[in-house]
C-alpha cells in the first residue's frame, strides 16, 4: 500500500451522505481494529477533549460495528502516536497554528508510509504546498506533502461573510509554479496516493 492522503473541504458532516463515504474511504485499507490518531493541533487545547469525544461518536455512528481504536494526538507523544496509527486525521481551525506545530517534528513525515493521512479545512491546508488562508486572506505555505494548491470551504458561507471565491481561486492559480488547484466545498473530499 502507498501512503493515501485525503483532503476535505471542511465540515465532513455537511456532505449529502452525512460523511459516510469519507469515513469508509478513510478506513477501508486496514484490518480491524483500526487505529485512528485524531490531531487537534490547529485548535485551542481547551476544546481538544470535547472535539475528540464528538469525533469518536461521529465515526462510530457512520460505521456501526467497526472496531476502532482512537487516540487524541498530544504534542509530547506525537511521533510515537504516528508510528502507532493506521490513520492520522488532522482537524481544522487555524492553518498557521497547525503548520507551525507540525514543523516541530522533523521526521514525522517519514513515519506515514502505508498509512492514510486526512486533513479537513486547516488540515487539508497544512498537507498542501500552498493554500489560500481564509482567516487572513493571504496565500500561505503548507507542509508540501502534496504538490497542490488548496482552497477549503469553497463557495460556502464560511464564517457567515461575503467572500470573493473567484478572486481567491484566480490568485492562487497564478501563484508561483503551476500546480493542480484543489477547491473543495463543505464535505467534499479528494484522494491522492503516493
C-alpha atoms as a PDB file:
ATOM      1  CA  UNK A   1       0.000   0.000   0.000  1.00  0.00           C
ATOM      2  CA  UNK A   2       1.134   3.514  -0.740  1.00  0.00           C
ATOM      3  CA  UNK A   3       0.514   6.435   1.564  1.00  0.00           C
ATOM      4  CA  UNK A   4      -3.008   7.722   0.979  1.00  0.00           C
ATOM      5  CA  UNK A   5      -3.896  11.361   1.528  1.00  0.00           C
ATOM      6  CA  UNK A   6      -7.447  12.661   1.753  1.00  0.00           C
ATOM      7  CA  UNK A   7      -8.115  16.391   1.529  1.00  0.00           C
ATOM      8  CA  UNK A   8     -11.513  17.543   2.811  1.00  0.00           C
ATOM      9  CA  UNK A   9     -13.042  20.946   2.096  1.00  0.00           C
ATOM     10  CA  UNK A  10     -14.428  21.192   5.619  1.00  0.00           C
ATOM     11  CA  UNK A  11     -17.347  20.031   7.750  1.00  0.00           C
ATOM     12  CA  UNK A  12     -17.484  16.387   6.680  1.00  0.00           C
ATOM     13  CA  UNK A  13     -20.988  16.123   8.145  1.00  0.00           C
ATOM     14  CA  UNK A  14     -22.274  18.572   5.500  1.00  0.00           C
ATOM     15  CA  UNK A  15     -21.754  16.021   2.719  1.00  0.00           C
ATOM     16  CA  UNK A  16     -25.056  14.749   1.277  1.00  0.00           C
ATOM     17  CA  UNK A  17     -24.454  11.363   2.945  1.00  0.00           C
ATOM     18  CA  UNK A  18     -23.507  12.935   6.289  1.00  0.00           C
ATOM     19  CA  UNK A  19     -19.865  11.911   5.858  1.00  0.00           C
ATOM     20  CA  UNK A  20     -20.308   8.171   5.403  1.00  0.00           C
ATOM     21  CA  UNK A  21     -18.290   7.924   2.143  1.00  0.00           C
ATOM     22  CA  UNK A  22     -15.427   9.858   3.731  1.00  0.00           C
ATOM     23  CA  UNK A  23     -15.367   7.545   6.752  1.00  0.00           C
ATOM     24  CA  UNK A  24     -15.411   4.468   4.521  1.00  0.00           C
ATOM     25  CA  UNK A  25     -12.562   5.835   2.370  1.00  0.00           C
ATOM     26  CA  UNK A  26     -10.543   6.780   5.441  1.00  0.00           C
ATOM     27  CA  UNK A  27     -10.669   3.302   6.946  1.00  0.00           C
ATOM     28  CA  UNK A  28     -11.053   0.897   4.023  1.00  0.00           C
ATOM     29  CA  UNK A  29      -7.412  -0.201   3.694  1.00  0.00           C
ATOM     30  CA  UNK A  30      -6.925  -1.556   7.216  1.00  0.00           C
ATOM     31  CA  UNK A  31      -7.726  -4.638   9.262  1.00  0.00           C
ATOM     32  CA  UNK A  32      -9.746  -4.165  12.436  1.00  0.00           C
ATOM     33  CA  UNK A  33      -9.221  -2.844  14.989  1.00  0.00           C
ATOM     34  CA  UNK A  34      -8.330   0.280  13.011  1.00  0.00           C
ATOM     35  CA  UNK A  35      -6.109   2.735  14.897  1.00  0.00           C
ATOM     36  CA  UNK A  36      -7.093   6.384  14.393  1.00  0.00           C
ATOM     37  CA  UNK A  37      -4.945   9.275  15.614  1.00  0.00           C
ATOM     38  CA  UNK A  38      -7.153  12.378  15.918  1.00  0.00           C
ATOM     39  CA  UNK A  39      -4.998  15.511  15.772  1.00  0.00           C
ATOM     40  CA  UNK A  40      -6.358  18.842  17.017  1.00  0.00           C
ATOM     41  CA  UNK A  41      -3.143  20.911  16.877  1.00  0.00           C
ATOM     42  CA  UNK A  42      -4.976  23.571  14.814  1.00  0.00           C
ATOM     43  CA  UNK A  43      -7.353  24.242  17.735  1.00  0.00           C
ATOM     44  CA  UNK A  44      -7.098  25.660  21.205  1.00  0.00           C
ATOM     45  CA  UNK A  45      -6.206  22.896  23.656  1.00  0.00           C
ATOM     46  CA  UNK A  46      -9.267  23.765  25.744  1.00  0.00           C
ATOM     47  CA  UNK A  47     -11.519  22.148  23.100  1.00  0.00           C
ATOM     48  CA  UNK A  48      -9.418  19.086  22.216  1.00  0.00           C
ATOM     49  CA  UNK A  49     -11.147  16.627  24.557  1.00  0.00           C
ATOM     50  CA  UNK A  50     -14.659  17.772  23.643  1.00  0.00           C
ATOM     51  CA  UNK A  51     -13.954  17.592  19.900  1.00  0.00           C
ATOM     52  CA  UNK A  52     -12.244  14.214  20.319  1.00  0.00           C
ATOM     53  CA  UNK A  53     -15.356  12.818  22.020  1.00  0.00           C
ATOM     54  CA  UNK A  54     -17.542  14.139  19.180  1.00  0.00           C
ATOM     55  CA  UNK A  55     -15.214  12.675  16.543  1.00  0.00           C
ATOM     56  CA  UNK A  56     -15.303   9.218  18.137  1.00  0.00           C
ATOM     57  CA  UNK A  57     -19.113   9.322  18.184  1.00  0.00           C
ATOM     58  CA  UNK A  58     -19.194  10.524  14.565  1.00  0.00           C
ATOM     59  CA  UNK A  59     -17.070   7.605  13.318  1.00  0.00           C
ATOM     60  CA  UNK A  60     -18.989   5.056  15.380  1.00  0.00           C
ATOM     61  CA  UNK A  61     -22.309   6.402  14.053  1.00  0.00           C
ATOM     62  CA  UNK A  62     -21.158   6.377  10.425  1.00  0.00           C
ATOM     63  CA  UNK A  63     -19.560   2.921  10.657  1.00  0.00           C
ATOM     64  CA  UNK A  64     -21.534   0.917  13.203  1.00  0.00           C
ATOM     65  CA  UNK A  65     -19.944  -2.387  14.140  1.00  0.00           C
ATOM     66  CA  UNK A  66     -16.425  -1.398  13.053  1.00  0.00           C
ATOM     67  CA  UNK A  67     -13.739  -1.994  15.671  1.00  0.00           C
ATOM     68  CA  UNK A  68     -11.967   1.341  16.057  1.00  0.00           C
ATOM     69  CA  UNK A  69      -9.195   2.328  18.450  1.00  0.00           C
ATOM     70  CA  UNK A  70      -8.751   6.078  18.969  1.00  0.00           C
ATOM     71  CA  UNK A  71      -6.003   8.252  20.395  1.00  0.00           C
ATOM     72  CA  UNK A  72      -6.017  12.011  20.805  1.00  0.00           C
ATOM     73  CA  UNK A  73      -2.739  13.397  19.448  1.00  0.00           C
ATOM     74  CA  UNK A  74      -0.570  15.019  22.098  1.00  0.00           C
ATOM     75  CA  UNK A  75       2.300  17.386  21.471  1.00  0.00           C
ATOM     76  CA  UNK A  76       4.761  15.452  23.646  1.00  0.00           C
ATOM     77  CA  UNK A  77       3.993  11.964  22.243  1.00  0.00           C
ATOM     78  CA  UNK A  78       3.055  12.787  18.645  1.00  0.00           C
ATOM     79  CA  UNK A  79       5.902  10.865  16.952  1.00  0.00           C
ATOM     80  CA  UNK A  80       5.157   7.665  18.865  1.00  0.00           C
ATOM     81  CA  UNK A  81       1.450   8.087  18.156  1.00  0.00           C
ATOM     82  CA  UNK A  82       2.094   8.486  14.410  1.00  0.00           C
ATOM     83  CA  UNK A  83       4.046   5.225  14.488  1.00  0.00           C
ATOM     84  CA  UNK A  84       1.110   3.536  16.293  1.00  0.00           C
ATOM     85  CA  UNK A  85      -1.663   4.803  13.983  1.00  0.00           C
ATOM     86  CA  UNK A  86      -3.133   3.398  10.780  1.00  0.00           C
ATOM     87  CA  UNK A  87      -4.965   6.675  10.120  1.00  0.00           C
ATOM     88  CA  UNK A  88      -3.935  10.223  11.040  1.00  0.00           C
ATOM     89  CA  UNK A  89      -6.780  12.738  10.943  1.00  0.00           C
ATOM     90  CA  UNK A  90      -5.872  16.439  11.079  1.00  0.00           C
ATOM     91  CA  UNK A  91      -8.818  18.592  12.118  1.00  0.00           C
ATOM     92  CA  UNK A  92      -9.402  22.182  11.091  1.00  0.00           C
ATOM     93  CA  UNK A  93      -9.244  25.631  12.667  1.00  0.00           C
ATOM     94  CA  UNK A  94      -6.010  27.652  12.394  1.00  0.00           C
ATOM     95  CA  UNK A  95      -3.938  26.511   9.401  1.00  0.00           C
ATOM     96  CA  UNK A  96      -0.960  28.561  10.560  1.00  0.00           C
ATOM     97  CA  UNK A  97      -1.050  27.045  14.033  1.00  0.00           C
ATOM     98  CA  UNK A  98      -1.218  23.514  12.645  1.00  0.00           C
ATOM     99  CA  UNK A  99       1.676  24.058  10.222  1.00  0.00           C
ATOM    100  CA  UNK A 100       3.770  25.621  12.996  1.00  0.00           C
ATOM    101  CA  UNK A 101       3.025  22.731  15.370  1.00  0.00           C
ATOM    102  CA  UNK A 102       3.867  20.038  12.821  1.00  0.00           C
ATOM    103  CA  UNK A 103       7.125  21.749  11.795  1.00  0.00           C
ATOM    104  CA  UNK A 104       8.452  20.976  15.287  1.00  0.00           C
ATOM    105  CA  UNK A 105       8.647  17.287  14.368  1.00  0.00           C
ATOM    106  CA  UNK A 106      11.382  16.931  11.786  1.00  0.00           C
ATOM    107  CA  UNK A 107      10.794  13.298  10.882  1.00  0.00           C
ATOM    108  CA  UNK A 108       7.073  12.669  11.373  1.00  0.00           C
ATOM    109  CA  UNK A 109       6.538  12.523   7.609  1.00  0.00           C
ATOM    110  CA  UNK A 110       8.936   9.561   7.332  1.00  0.00           C
ATOM    111  CA  UNK A 111       6.579   7.632   9.631  1.00  0.00           C
ATOM    112  CA  UNK A 112       3.452   7.886   7.478  1.00  0.00           C
ATOM    113  CA  UNK A 113       4.344   5.325   4.801  1.00  0.00           C
ATOM    114  CA  UNK A 114       1.480   2.873   4.198  1.00  0.00           C
ATOM    115  CA  UNK A 115      -0.900   4.937   6.320  1.00  0.00           C
ATOM    116  CA  UNK A 116      -3.862   7.144   5.475  1.00  0.00           C
ATOM    117  CA  UNK A 117      -3.428  10.838   6.289  1.00  0.00           C
ATOM    118  CA  UNK A 118      -6.514  13.030   6.097  1.00  0.00           C
ATOM    119  CA  UNK A 119      -6.986  16.721   6.683  1.00  0.00           C
ATOM    120  CA  UNK A 120     -10.157  18.728   6.853  1.00  0.00           C
ATOM    121  CA  UNK A 121     -10.056  22.514   6.312  1.00  0.00           C
ATOM    122  CA  UNK A 122      -6.836  23.633   8.074  1.00  0.00           C
ATOM    123  CA  UNK A 123      -5.701  20.009   7.975  1.00  0.00           C
ATOM    124  CA  UNK A 124      -6.030  20.000   4.175  1.00  0.00           C
ATOM    125  CA  UNK A 125      -4.234  23.353   4.003  1.00  0.00           C
ATOM    126  CA  UNK A 126      -1.327  22.008   6.042  1.00  0.00           C
ATOM    127  CA  UNK A 127      -0.871  18.954   3.794  1.00  0.00           C
ATOM    128  CA  UNK A 128      -0.770  21.068   0.599  1.00  0.00           C
ATOM    129  CA  UNK A 129       2.136  23.088  -0.805  1.00  0.00           C
ATOM    130  CA  UNK A 130       0.182  26.364  -0.850  1.00  0.00           C
ATOM    131  CA  UNK A 131      -3.221  27.320   0.450  1.00  0.00           C
ATOM    132  CA  UNK A 132      -5.450  30.359   0.489  1.00  0.00           C
ATOM    133  CA  UNK A 133      -5.725  31.406   4.145  1.00  0.00           C
ATOM    134  CA  UNK A 134      -9.358  32.302   4.686  1.00  0.00           C
ATOM    135  CA  UNK A 135      -8.750  33.991   8.037  1.00  0.00           C
ATOM    136  CA  UNK A 136      -6.059  36.367   6.785  1.00  0.00           C
ATOM    137  CA  UNK A 137      -6.943  36.331   3.042  1.00  0.00           C
ATOM    138  CA  UNK A 138      -3.350  35.551   2.078  1.00  0.00           C
ATOM    139  CA  UNK A 139      -1.656  32.741   0.230  1.00  0.00           C
ATOM    140  CA  UNK A 140       0.433  30.732   2.689  1.00  0.00           C
ATOM    141  CA  UNK A 141       2.838  27.795   2.610  1.00  0.00           C
ATOM    142  CA  UNK A 142       1.680  24.396   3.740  1.00  0.00           C
ATOM    143  CA  UNK A 143       3.975  21.466   4.507  1.00  0.00           C
ATOM    144  CA  UNK A 144       4.128  20.315   0.854  1.00  0.00           C
ATOM    145  CA  UNK A 145       3.209  16.688   1.458  1.00  0.00           C
ATOM    146  CA  UNK A 146       1.014  17.060  -1.622  1.00  0.00           C
ATOM    147  CA  UNK A 147       2.122  19.272  -4.517  1.00  0.00           C
ATOM    148  CA  UNK A 148      -1.212  21.067  -4.811  1.00  0.00           C
ATOM    149  CA  UNK A 149      -2.766  24.443  -4.101  1.00  0.00           C
ATOM    150  CA  UNK A 150      -5.700  24.221  -1.695  1.00  0.00           C
ATOM    151  CA  UNK A 151      -8.859  26.234  -1.021  1.00  0.00           C
ATOM    152  CA  UNK A 152     -11.136  24.726   1.643  1.00  0.00           C
ATOM    153  CA  UNK A 153     -14.779  25.667   2.283  1.00  0.00           C
ATOM    154  CA  UNK A 154     -15.030  26.627  -1.409  1.00  0.00           C
ATOM    155  CA  UNK A 155     -18.071  28.749  -2.268  1.00  0.00           C
ATOM    156  CA  UNK A 156     -19.556  28.263   1.206  1.00  0.00           C
ATOM    157  CA  UNK A 157     -20.786  30.901   3.604  1.00  0.00           C
ATOM    158  CA  UNK A 158     -17.657  30.326   5.691  1.00  0.00           C
ATOM    159  CA  UNK A 159     -17.968  32.316   8.927  1.00  0.00           C
ATOM    160  CA  UNK A 160     -21.102  33.922   7.503  1.00  0.00           C
ATOM    161  CA  UNK A 161     -19.368  36.641   5.479  1.00  0.00           C
ATOM    162  CA  UNK A 162     -19.303  37.557   1.825  1.00  0.00           C
ATOM    163  CA  UNK A 163     -16.157  36.383   0.102  1.00  0.00           C
ATOM    164  CA  UNK A 164     -14.865  36.639  -3.456  1.00  0.00           C
ATOM    165  CA  UNK A 165     -14.152  32.959  -4.123  1.00  0.00           C
ATOM    166  CA  UNK A 166     -13.389  33.570  -7.809  1.00  0.00           C
ATOM    167  CA  UNK A 167     -10.711  36.114  -6.894  1.00  0.00           C
ATOM    168  CA  UNK A 168      -9.152  33.741  -4.353  1.00  0.00           C
ATOM    169  CA  UNK A 169      -9.153  30.929  -6.905  1.00  0.00           C
ATOM    170  CA  UNK A 170      -7.552  33.122  -9.601  1.00  0.00           C
ATOM    171  CA  UNK A 171      -4.864  34.454  -7.225  1.00  0.00           C
ATOM    172  CA  UNK A 172      -3.933  31.004  -6.000  1.00  0.00           C
ATOM    173  CA  UNK A 173      -3.890  29.572  -9.518  1.00  0.00           C
ATOM    174  CA  UNK A 174      -1.413  32.247 -10.663  1.00  0.00           C
ATOM    175  CA  UNK A 175       0.777  31.970  -7.543  1.00  0.00           C
ATOM    176  CA  UNK A 176       4.324  30.719  -8.196  1.00  0.00           C
ATOM    177  CA  UNK A 177       4.559  27.398 -10.051  1.00  0.00           C
ATOM    178  CA  UNK A 178       1.773  25.694 -11.942  1.00  0.00           C
ATOM    179  CA  UNK A 179       0.289  23.058  -9.635  1.00  0.00           C
ATOM    180  CA  UNK A 180      -3.132  21.417  -9.510  1.00  0.00           C
ATOM    181  CA  UNK A 181      -5.661  23.584  -7.715  1.00  0.00           C
ATOM    182  CA  UNK A 182      -7.937  21.732  -5.303  1.00  0.00           C
ATOM    183  CA  UNK A 183     -11.004  23.774  -4.349  1.00  0.00           C
ATOM    184  CA  UNK A 184     -13.322  21.681  -2.188  1.00  0.00           C
ATOM    185  CA  UNK A 185     -16.770  22.540  -0.890  1.00  0.00           C
ATOM    186  CA  UNK A 186     -18.057  21.563   2.542  1.00  0.00           C
ATOM    187  CA  UNK A 187     -17.989  17.792   2.903  1.00  0.00           C
ATOM    188  CA  UNK A 188     -16.245  17.196  -0.438  1.00  0.00           C
ATOM    189  CA  UNK A 189     -13.022  15.207  -0.422  1.00  0.00           C
ATOM    190  CA  UNK A 190     -10.307  14.209  -2.850  1.00  0.00           C
ATOM    191  CA  UNK A 191      -7.974  11.198  -2.554  1.00  0.00           C
ATOM    192  CA  UNK A 192      -4.287  11.121  -3.512  1.00  0.00           C
ATOM    193  CA  UNK A 193      -1.812   8.255  -3.300  1.00  0.00           C
ATOM    194  CA  UNK A 194       1.961   8.485  -3.361  1.00  0.00           C
END
